[in-house]
C-alpha atoms as a PDB file:
ATOM      1  CA  MET A   1      -7.272 -17.916  -8.617  1.00  0.00           C
ATOM      2  CA  ALA A   2      -7.394 -16.500 -12.131  1.00  0.00           C
ATOM      3  CA  PRO A   3     -10.249 -14.137 -13.045  1.00  0.00           C
ATOM      4  CA  ALA A   4     -12.936 -15.301 -15.429  1.00  0.00           C
ATOM      5  CA  SER A   5     -12.274 -14.721 -19.098  1.00  0.00           C
ATOM      6  CA  GLY A   6     -13.493 -11.359 -20.389  1.00  0.00           C
ATOM      7  CA  THR A   7     -14.223  -9.737 -17.033  1.00  0.00           C
ATOM      8  CA  ALA A   8     -11.038  -8.474 -15.386  1.00  0.00           C
ATOM      9  CA  SER A   9      -8.943  -8.533 -18.569  1.00  0.00           C
ATOM     10  CA  GLU A  10     -11.222  -6.046 -20.346  1.00  0.00           C
ATOM     11  CA  PRO A  11      -9.764  -2.834 -18.797  1.00  0.00           C
ATOM     12  CA  THR A  12      -6.232  -3.967 -19.677  1.00  0.00           C
ATOM     13  CA  ARG A  13      -6.883  -3.951 -23.424  1.00  0.00           C
ATOM     14  CA  TYR A  14      -5.443  -0.447 -23.721  1.00  0.00           C
ATOM     15  CA  ARG A  15      -2.369  -1.305 -21.638  1.00  0.00           C
ATOM     16  CA  GLU A  16      -1.548  -4.238 -23.900  1.00  0.00           C
ATOM     17  CA  MET A  17      -1.449  -2.131 -27.076  1.00  0.00           C
ATOM     18  CA  PRO A  18       1.959  -1.233 -28.582  1.00  0.00           C
ATOM     19  CA  LEU A  19       3.024   2.425 -28.535  1.00  0.00           C
ATOM     20  CA  PRO A  20       2.131   3.293 -32.190  1.00  0.00           C
ATOM     21  CA  ARG A  21      -1.429   2.045 -31.637  1.00  0.00           C
ATOM     22  CA  LYS A  22      -1.690   4.076 -28.424  1.00  0.00           C
ATOM     23  CA  VAL A  23      -0.579   7.200 -30.274  1.00  0.00           C
ATOM     24  CA  THR A  24      -3.129   6.516 -33.003  1.00  0.00           C
ATOM     25  CA  PHE A  25      -5.817   5.935 -30.372  1.00  0.00           C
ATOM     26  CA  TRP A  26      -5.102   9.301 -28.721  1.00  0.00           C
ATOM     27  CA  GLY A  27      -4.995  10.966 -32.141  1.00  0.00           C
ATOM     28  CA  PHE A  28      -8.543   9.817 -32.778  1.00  0.00           C
ATOM     29  CA  ALA A  29      -9.516  10.772 -29.233  1.00  0.00           C
ATOM     30  CA  SER A  30      -8.283  14.286 -29.988  1.00  0.00           C
ATOM     31  CA  LEU A  31     -10.861  14.448 -32.797  1.00  0.00           C
ATOM     32  CA  VAL A  32     -13.591  13.829 -30.233  1.00  0.00           C
ATOM     33  CA  VAL A  33     -12.195  16.592 -28.024  1.00  0.00           C
ATOM     34  CA  ALA A  34     -11.853  18.909 -31.033  1.00  0.00           C
ATOM     35  CA  ALA A  35     -15.493  18.271 -31.995  1.00  0.00           C
ATOM     36  CA  ILE A  36     -16.774  19.163 -28.536  1.00  0.00           C
ATOM     37  CA  ALA A  37     -14.463  22.179 -28.277  1.00  0.00           C
ATOM     38  CA  PHE A  38     -15.536  23.423 -31.706  1.00  0.00           C
ATOM     39  CA  TYR A  39     -19.233  23.138 -30.870  1.00  0.00           C
ATOM     40  CA  VAL A  40     -18.844  24.930 -27.539  1.00  0.00           C
ATOM     41  CA  TRP A  41     -16.595  27.612 -29.067  1.00  0.00           C
ATOM     42  CA  TRP A  42     -18.994  28.264 -31.952  1.00  0.00           C
ATOM     43  CA  GLY A  43     -21.993  28.446 -29.652  1.00  0.00           C
ATOM     44  CA  THR A  44     -20.390  30.881 -27.225  1.00  0.00           C
ATOM     45  CA  PHE A  45     -18.650  33.021 -29.851  1.00  0.00           C
ATOM     46  CA  TYR A  46     -21.604  33.428 -32.218  1.00  0.00           C
ATOM     47  CA  GLY A  47     -24.467  32.750 -29.808  1.00  0.00           C
ATOM     48  CA  VAL A  48     -25.980  30.194 -32.183  1.00  0.00           C
ATOM     49  CA  TRP A  49     -26.353  26.660 -30.859  1.00  0.00           C
ATOM     50  CA  ILE A  50     -28.674  25.311 -33.579  1.00  0.00           C
ATOM     51  CA  ASP A  51     -27.059  25.437 -37.022  1.00  0.00           C
ATOM     52  CA  ASN A  52     -26.821  22.763 -39.718  1.00  0.00           C
ATOM     53  CA  GLY A  53     -23.260  23.728 -40.685  1.00  0.00           C
ATOM     54  CA  VAL A  54     -22.027  23.433 -37.120  1.00  0.00           C
ATOM     55  CA  TYR A  55     -23.757  20.073 -36.752  1.00  0.00           C
ATOM     56  CA  ALA A  56     -22.102  18.840 -39.948  1.00  0.00           C
ATOM     57  CA  VAL A  57     -18.610  19.686 -38.679  1.00  0.00           C
ATOM     58  CA  PHE A  58     -19.334  18.457 -35.159  1.00  0.00           C
ATOM     59  CA  ILE A  59     -20.812  15.111 -36.181  1.00  0.00           C
ATOM     60  CA  THR A  60     -18.094  14.459 -38.777  1.00  0.00           C
ATOM     61  CA  LEU A  61     -15.288  15.043 -36.275  1.00  0.00           C
ATOM     62  CA  LEU A  62     -17.075  13.131 -33.537  1.00  0.00           C
ATOM     63  CA  LEU A  63     -17.905  10.051 -35.613  1.00  0.00           C
ATOM     64  CA  PHE A  64     -14.455   9.818 -37.214  1.00  0.00           C
ATOM     65  CA  GLY A  65     -12.915  10.060 -33.758  1.00  0.00           C
ATOM     66  CA  LEU A  66     -15.174   7.436 -32.188  1.00  0.00           C
ATOM     67  CA  ALA A  67     -14.877   5.059 -35.155  1.00  0.00           C
ATOM     68  CA  GLY A  68     -11.099   5.413 -35.205  1.00  0.00           C
ATOM     69  CA  MET A  69     -10.817   4.758 -31.483  1.00  0.00           C
ATOM     70  CA  TRP A  70     -13.007   1.680 -31.843  1.00  0.00           C
ATOM     71  CA  LEU A  71     -11.018   0.331 -34.811  1.00  0.00           C
ATOM     72  CA  VAL A  72      -7.637   0.797 -33.116  1.00  0.00           C
ATOM     73  CA  LEU A  73      -8.558  -1.189 -29.990  1.00  0.00           C
ATOM     74  CA  PRO A  74      -7.308  -4.773 -30.095  1.00  0.00           C
ATOM     75  CA  ASN A  75      -9.793  -7.534 -30.692  1.00  0.00           C
ATOM     76  CA  PRO A  76     -10.906  -9.506 -27.647  1.00  0.00           C
ATOM     77  CA  PRO A  77      -9.468 -13.015 -27.405  1.00  0.00           C
ATOM     78  CA  VAL A  78     -11.481 -15.697 -29.136  1.00  0.00           C
ATOM     79  CA  THR A  79     -12.853 -18.329 -26.803  1.00  0.00           C
ATOM     80  CA  ALA A  80     -14.252 -21.702 -27.694  1.00  0.00           C
ATOM     81  CA  PRO A  81     -18.055 -21.937 -27.749  1.00  0.00           C
ATOM     82  CA  PRO A  82     -19.573 -23.696 -24.750  1.00  0.00           C
ATOM     83  CA  GLY A  83     -19.900 -27.429 -24.991  1.00  0.00           C
ATOM     84  CA  THR A  84     -16.795 -28.079 -27.125  1.00  0.00           C
END
């Protein structure tokens, strides 16, 4: 029996991507990791956890990484509306 549309096929979206899109996805994911690493490094090295400049760098890296990861994922398959 085939699984319902949109339930079991959702985790396989990444596996279905071609290699260049996977590389791009992990490139954007590295921006998220770099943002977290930068914030933790800055806080431990300088002992300052609340700073507008650090927030500006952190949020910029984080949002570009998350937006890029979201844009690289393939679109879900289009299904017909119910009743047609």
